[in-house]
Amino acid sequence: MITIRPEQIQDIAAIREVNDLAFKGENESKLVEAIRQSEFFVPELSLVALHDNQVIGHILFSIISIETEAGPVPTLALAPMSVRPQYQNQGIGSSLVKEGLQKCRQLGYKHTAVLGHPEFYSKFGFTPSVTKGIAAPFPVPDEVFMVIELQENSLDSIKGKVKYPSAFGAVS
């Protein structure tokens, strides 16, 4: 059985390990640490998946912005999401995304952006950001930079370009 809950202080080393193993490097764990130390960290949106009290997955949503002509509009980024390799392809990542999006809604957030696999994230309602008038902050194929409205029609009057905080510079 898998349990999903917000991270606790004793999970930090395991979260680093999960990200390092899942991404075969330290960039994403450095990103998590940089966000955790920034003003853009939302503790309730750093979730872990546990199996037998072992952290086997992690997802993080943090505050970013959409830069519009009228000024910045706060939104969230889903980044990163990781599962220990031996537990991948068993629905744990999907459970983390579903639970994470539900927590985002409960906390009143209106939309979220993600850079990721379109086949995976489209299952949860993510669509290419360009279809909503939202530009990626860097050159990527349209289909891999996506958004989801957590509140219906919440992006209808927003047009602009996503801006990530400097913490995202930890991932190269």
C-alpha atoms as a PDB file:
ATOM      1  CA  MET A   1       0.000   0.000   0.000  1.00  0.00           C
ATOM      2  CA  ILE A   2       1.190   3.497  -0.885  1.00  0.00           C
ATOM      3  CA  THR A   3       0.674   6.503   1.382  1.00  0.00           C
ATOM      4  CA  ILE A   4       1.053  10.077   0.125  1.00  0.00           C
ATOM      5  CA  ARG A   5       1.670  12.934   2.539  1.00  0.00           C
ATOM      6  CA  PRO A   6       3.528  16.256   2.736  1.00  0.00           C
ATOM      7  CA  GLU A   7       7.288  15.972   3.228  1.00  0.00           C
ATOM      8  CA  GLN A   8       8.684  16.040   6.737  1.00  0.00           C
ATOM      9  CA  ILE A   9      12.171  17.050   7.869  1.00  0.00           C
ATOM     10  CA  GLN A  10      13.244  13.415   8.168  1.00  0.00           C
ATOM     11  CA  ASP A  11      12.354  12.844   4.472  1.00  0.00           C
ATOM     12  CA  ILE A  12      14.853  15.330   3.022  1.00  0.00           C
ATOM     13  CA  ALA A  13      17.752  12.887   2.465  1.00  0.00           C
ATOM     14  CA  ALA A  14      15.403  10.279   0.977  1.00  0.00           C
ATOM     15  CA  ILE A  15      13.853  12.886  -1.353  1.00  0.00           C
ATOM     16  CA  ARG A  16      17.349  13.748  -2.594  1.00  0.00           C
ATOM     17  CA  GLU A  17      18.102  10.065  -3.174  1.00  0.00           C
ATOM     18  CA  VAL A  18      14.823   9.444  -5.036  1.00  0.00           C
ATOM     19  CA  ASN A  19      15.458  12.391  -7.358  1.00  0.00           C
ATOM     20  CA  ASP A  20      19.109  11.438  -7.949  1.00  0.00           C
ATOM     21  CA  LEU A  21      18.164   7.850  -8.809  1.00  0.00           C
ATOM     22  CA  ALA A  22      15.147   8.728 -10.941  1.00  0.00           C
ATOM     23  CA  PHE A  23      16.971  11.402 -12.947  1.00  0.00           C
ATOM     24  CA  LYS A  24      20.424   9.732 -12.870  1.00  0.00           C
ATOM     25  CA  GLY A  25      22.064  12.884 -11.542  1.00  0.00           C
ATOM     26  CA  GLU A  26      21.859  15.662  -8.969  1.00  0.00           C
ATOM     27  CA  ASN A  27      20.216  18.494 -10.917  1.00  0.00           C
ATOM     28  CA  GLU A  28      16.661  17.848  -9.765  1.00  0.00           C
ATOM     29  CA  SER A  29      17.609  17.302  -6.124  1.00  0.00           C
ATOM     30  CA  LYS A  30      19.537  20.580  -6.254  1.00  0.00           C
ATOM     31  CA  LEU A  31      16.407  22.211  -7.679  1.00  0.00           C
ATOM     32  CA  VAL A  32      14.278  20.831  -4.828  1.00  0.00           C
ATOM     33  CA  GLU A  33      16.762  22.133  -2.245  1.00  0.00           C
ATOM     34  CA  ALA A  34      16.973  25.564  -3.886  1.00  0.00           C
ATOM     35  CA  ILE A  35      13.185  25.873  -4.009  1.00  0.00           C
ATOM     36  CA  ARG A  36      12.845  24.623  -0.427  1.00  0.00           C
ATOM     37  CA  GLN A  37      15.119  27.486   0.691  1.00  0.00           C
ATOM     38  CA  SER A  38      13.252  30.120  -1.329  1.00  0.00           C
ATOM     39  CA  GLU A  39      10.141  32.206  -0.809  1.00  0.00           C
ATOM     40  CA  PHE A  40       8.459  30.176  -3.599  1.00  0.00           C
ATOM     41  CA  PHE A  41       8.303  26.957  -1.566  1.00  0.00           C
ATOM     42  CA  VAL A  42       4.858  25.782  -0.412  1.00  0.00           C
ATOM     43  CA  PRO A  43       5.477  23.058   2.223  1.00  0.00           C
ATOM     44  CA  GLU A  44       2.046  21.490   1.719  1.00  0.00           C
ATOM     45  CA  LEU A  45       2.880  20.964  -1.980  1.00  0.00           C
ATOM     46  CA  SER A  46       6.050  18.919  -1.499  1.00  0.00           C
ATOM     47  CA  LEU A  47       4.577  15.422  -1.303  1.00  0.00           C
ATOM     48  CA  VAL A  48       6.170  12.043  -0.789  1.00  0.00           C
ATOM     49  CA  ALA A  49       4.903   8.569  -1.646  1.00  0.00           C
ATOM     50  CA  LEU A  50       5.705   5.997   1.029  1.00  0.00           C
ATOM     51  CA  HIS A  51       5.815   2.204   0.860  1.00  0.00           C
ATOM     52  CA  ASP A  52       6.653   0.416   4.124  1.00  0.00           C
ATOM     53  CA  ASN A  53       7.682   3.821   5.557  1.00  0.00           C
ATOM     54  CA  GLN A  54      10.278   4.256   2.784  1.00  0.00           C
ATOM     55  CA  VAL A  55      10.132   7.316   0.498  1.00  0.00           C
ATOM     56  CA  ILE A  56       9.701   5.884  -2.991  1.00  0.00           C
ATOM     57  CA  GLY A  57       8.399   8.973  -4.785  1.00  0.00           C
ATOM     58  CA  HIS A  58       8.282  12.751  -4.587  1.00  0.00           C
ATOM     59  CA  ILE A  59       6.468  15.610  -6.300  1.00  0.00           C
ATOM     60  CA  LEU A  60       6.943  19.331  -5.843  1.00  0.00           C
ATOM     61  CA  PHE A  61       4.745  22.250  -6.840  1.00  0.00           C
ATOM     62  CA  SER A  62       6.171  25.729  -6.284  1.00  0.00           C
ATOM     63  CA  ILE A  63       5.203  29.291  -7.077  1.00  0.00           C
ATOM     64  CA  ILE A  64       6.207  30.788 -10.427  1.00  0.00           C
ATOM     65  CA  SER A  65       4.614  33.555 -12.491  1.00  0.00           C
ATOM     66  CA  ILE A  66       3.118  34.318 -15.858  1.00  0.00           C
ATOM     67  CA  GLU A  67       4.422  37.666 -17.051  1.00  0.00           C
ATOM     68  CA  THR A  68       1.573  39.588 -18.701  1.00  0.00           C
ATOM     69  CA  GLU A  69       1.139  43.133 -19.989  1.00  0.00           C
ATOM     70  CA  ALA A  70      -0.809  43.882 -16.801  1.00  0.00           C
ATOM     71  CA  GLY A  71       1.928  42.457 -14.567  1.00  0.00           C
ATOM     72  CA  PRO A  72       2.894  39.084 -13.121  1.00  0.00           C
ATOM     73  CA  VAL A  73       0.219  36.504 -12.381  1.00  0.00           C
ATOM     74  CA  PRO A  74       1.181  33.900  -9.773  1.00  0.00           C
ATOM     75  CA  THR A  75       0.851  30.271 -10.786  1.00  0.00           C
ATOM     76  CA  LEU A  76       2.510  26.974  -9.911  1.00  0.00           C
ATOM     77  CA  ALA A  77       5.145  24.788 -11.515  1.00  0.00           C
ATOM     78  CA  LEU A  78       5.075  21.031 -11.158  1.00  0.00           C
ATOM     79  CA  ALA A  79       8.769  20.195 -10.983  1.00  0.00           C
ATOM     80  CA  PRO A  80      10.202  17.754 -10.343  1.00  0.00           C
ATOM     81  CA  MET A  81       8.274  14.512  -9.975  1.00  0.00           C
ATOM     82  CA  SER A  82      10.287  11.378  -9.324  1.00  0.00           C
ATOM     83  CA  VAL A  83       9.845   7.725  -8.412  1.00  0.00           C
ATOM     84  CA  ARG A  84      12.553   5.246  -7.391  1.00  0.00           C
ATOM     85  CA  PRO A  85      13.438   3.228 -10.521  1.00  0.00           C
ATOM     86  CA  GLN A  86      12.301  -0.111  -9.071  1.00  0.00           C
ATOM     87  CA  TYR A  87       8.837   1.374  -8.395  1.00  0.00           C
ATOM     88  CA  GLN A  88       8.351   3.120 -11.756  1.00  0.00           C
ATOM     89  CA  ASN A  89       5.517   2.151 -14.113  1.00  0.00           C
ATOM     90  CA  GLN A  90       3.340   1.041 -11.198  1.00  0.00           C
ATOM     91  CA  GLY A  91       1.061   4.090 -10.963  1.00  0.00           C
ATOM     92  CA  ILE A  92       2.968   5.857  -8.193  1.00  0.00           C
ATOM     93  CA  GLY A  93       3.810   8.893 -10.331  1.00  0.00           C
ATOM     94  CA  SER A  94       0.169   9.133 -11.408  1.00  0.00           C
ATOM     95  CA  SER A  95      -0.943   8.950  -7.778  1.00  0.00           C
ATOM     96  CA  LEU A  96       1.472  11.735  -6.860  1.00  0.00           C
ATOM     97  CA  VAL A  97       0.214  13.947  -9.704  1.00  0.00           C
ATOM     98  CA  LYS A  98      -3.466  13.348  -8.830  1.00  0.00           C
ATOM     99  CA  GLU A  99      -2.942  13.970  -5.116  1.00  0.00           C
ATOM    100  CA  GLY A 100      -0.737  16.992  -5.830  1.00  0.00           C
ATOM    101  CA  LEU A 101      -3.263  18.612  -8.150  1.00  0.00           C
ATOM    102  CA  GLN A 102      -5.992  18.014  -5.572  1.00  0.00           C
ATOM    103  CA  LYS A 103      -3.866  19.708  -2.861  1.00  0.00           C
ATOM    104  CA  CYS A 104      -3.212  22.644  -5.223  1.00  0.00           C
ATOM    105  CA  ARG A 105      -6.978  23.049  -5.720  1.00  0.00           C
ATOM    106  CA  GLN A 106      -7.647  22.789  -1.974  1.00  0.00           C
ATOM    107  CA  LEU A 107      -5.126  25.564  -1.330  1.00  0.00           C
ATOM    108  CA  GLY A 108      -6.874  27.800  -3.879  1.00  0.00           C
ATOM    109  CA  TYR A 109      -4.345  27.766  -6.699  1.00  0.00           C
ATOM    110  CA  LYS A 110      -5.881  28.327 -10.119  1.00  0.00           C
ATOM    111  CA  HIS A 111      -3.409  26.816 -12.600  1.00  0.00           C
ATOM    112  CA  THR A 112      -0.161  24.881 -12.937  1.00  0.00           C
ATOM    113  CA  ALA A 113       2.538  24.552 -15.603  1.00  0.00           C
ATOM    114  CA  VAL A 114       4.768  21.566 -16.335  1.00  0.00           C
ATOM    115  CA  LEU A 115       7.593  20.713 -18.699  1.00  0.00           C
ATOM    116  CA  GLY A 116       7.255  17.010 -19.349  1.00  0.00           C
ATOM    117  CA  HIS A 117       6.044  14.069 -21.384  1.00  0.00           C
ATOM    118  CA  PRO A 118       2.775  14.988 -23.132  1.00  0.00           C
ATOM    119  CA  GLU A 119       1.527  11.377 -23.161  1.00  0.00           C
ATOM    120  CA  PHE A 120       1.833  11.215 -19.382  1.00  0.00           C
ATOM    121  CA  TYR A 121       0.658  14.661 -18.280  1.00  0.00           C
ATOM    122  CA  SER A 122      -2.246  14.911 -20.738  1.00  0.00           C
ATOM    123  CA  LYS A 123      -3.924  12.077 -18.766  1.00  0.00           C
ATOM    124  CA  PHE A 124      -4.467  14.563 -15.947  1.00  0.00           C
ATOM    125  CA  GLY A 125      -5.796  17.396 -18.098  1.00  0.00           C
ATOM    126  CA  PHE A 126      -2.589  19.221 -19.002  1.00  0.00           C
ATOM    127  CA  THR A 127      -2.645  20.782 -22.481  1.00  0.00           C
ATOM    128  CA  PRO A 128       0.053  22.611 -24.450  1.00  0.00           C
ATOM    129  CA  SER A 129       0.394  26.066 -22.915  1.00  0.00           C
ATOM    130  CA  VAL A 130       0.333  27.770 -26.318  1.00  0.00           C
ATOM    131  CA  THR A 131      -3.324  26.704 -26.707  1.00  0.00           C
ATOM    132  CA  LYS A 132      -4.077  28.969 -23.724  1.00  0.00           C
ATOM    133  CA  GLY A 133      -1.880  31.869 -24.869  1.00  0.00           C
ATOM    134  CA  ILE A 134       0.904  31.050 -22.417  1.00  0.00           C
ATOM    135  CA  ALA A 135       4.459  30.934 -23.783  1.00  0.00           C
ATOM    136  CA  ALA A 136       7.255  28.772 -22.397  1.00  0.00           C
ATOM    137  CA  PRO A 137      10.182  30.701 -20.913  1.00  0.00           C
ATOM    138  CA  PHE A 138      12.685  28.943 -23.195  1.00  0.00           C
ATOM    139  CA  PRO A 139      12.623  27.239 -26.595  1.00  0.00           C
ATOM    140  CA  VAL A 140      10.955  23.817 -26.337  1.00  0.00           C
ATOM    141  CA  PRO A 141       8.523  21.927 -28.551  1.00  0.00           C
ATOM    142  CA  ASP A 142       4.977  23.209 -27.923  1.00  0.00           C
ATOM    143  CA  GLU A 143       3.681  19.803 -26.856  1.00  0.00           C
ATOM    144  CA  VAL A 144       6.099  19.420 -23.898  1.00  0.00           C
ATOM    145  CA  PHE A 145       5.323  22.694 -22.092  1.00  0.00           C
ATOM    146  CA  MET A 146       1.825  22.343 -20.674  1.00  0.00           C
ATOM    147  CA  VAL A 147      -0.668  23.947 -18.323  1.00  0.00           C
ATOM    148  CA  ILE A 148      -3.762  22.838 -16.467  1.00  0.00           C
ATOM    149  CA  GLU A 149      -6.586  24.977 -15.157  1.00  0.00           C
ATOM    150  CA  LEU A 150      -7.301  23.947 -11.572  1.00  0.00           C
ATOM    151  CA  GLN A 151     -10.275  26.308 -11.626  1.00  0.00           C
ATOM    152  CA  GLU A 152     -12.308  26.216 -14.809  1.00  0.00           C
ATOM    153  CA  ASN A 153     -11.544  29.033 -17.289  1.00  0.00           C
ATOM    154  CA  SER A 154      -8.919  30.503 -14.950  1.00  0.00           C
ATOM    155  CA  LEU A 155      -6.496  31.122 -17.832  1.00  0.00           C
ATOM    156  CA  ASP A 156      -9.077  32.633 -20.207  1.00  0.00           C
ATOM    157  CA  SER A 157      -8.025  36.247 -19.671  1.00  0.00           C
ATOM    158  CA  ILE A 158      -4.314  35.570 -19.093  1.00  0.00           C
ATOM    159  CA  LYS A 159      -1.827  35.849 -21.946  1.00  0.00           C
ATOM    160  CA  GLY A 160       1.903  35.956 -21.345  1.00  0.00           C
ATOM    161  CA  LYS A 161       5.126  34.102 -20.784  1.00  0.00           C
ATOM    162  CA  VAL A 162       6.030  31.874 -17.855  1.00  0.00           C
ATOM    163  CA  LYS A 163       8.882  33.071 -15.669  1.00  0.00           C
ATOM    164  CA  TYR A 164      10.667  30.729 -13.285  1.00  0.00           C
ATOM    165  CA  PRO A 165      12.421  32.046 -10.159  1.00  0.00           C
ATOM    166  CA  SER A 166      16.202  31.869  -9.932  1.00  0.00           C
ATOM    167  CA  ALA A 167      16.023  28.602  -7.958  1.00  0.00           C
ATOM    168  CA  PHE A 168      15.315  26.881 -11.268  1.00  0.00           C
ATOM    169  CA  GLY A 169      18.821  27.855 -12.366  1.00  0.00           C
ATOM    170  CA  ALA A 170      20.027  24.928 -10.195  1.00  0.00           C
ATOM    171  CA  VAL A 171      19.032  22.590 -13.024  1.00  0.00           C
ATOM    172  CA  SER A 172      21.287  22.892 -16.025  1.00  0.00           C
END
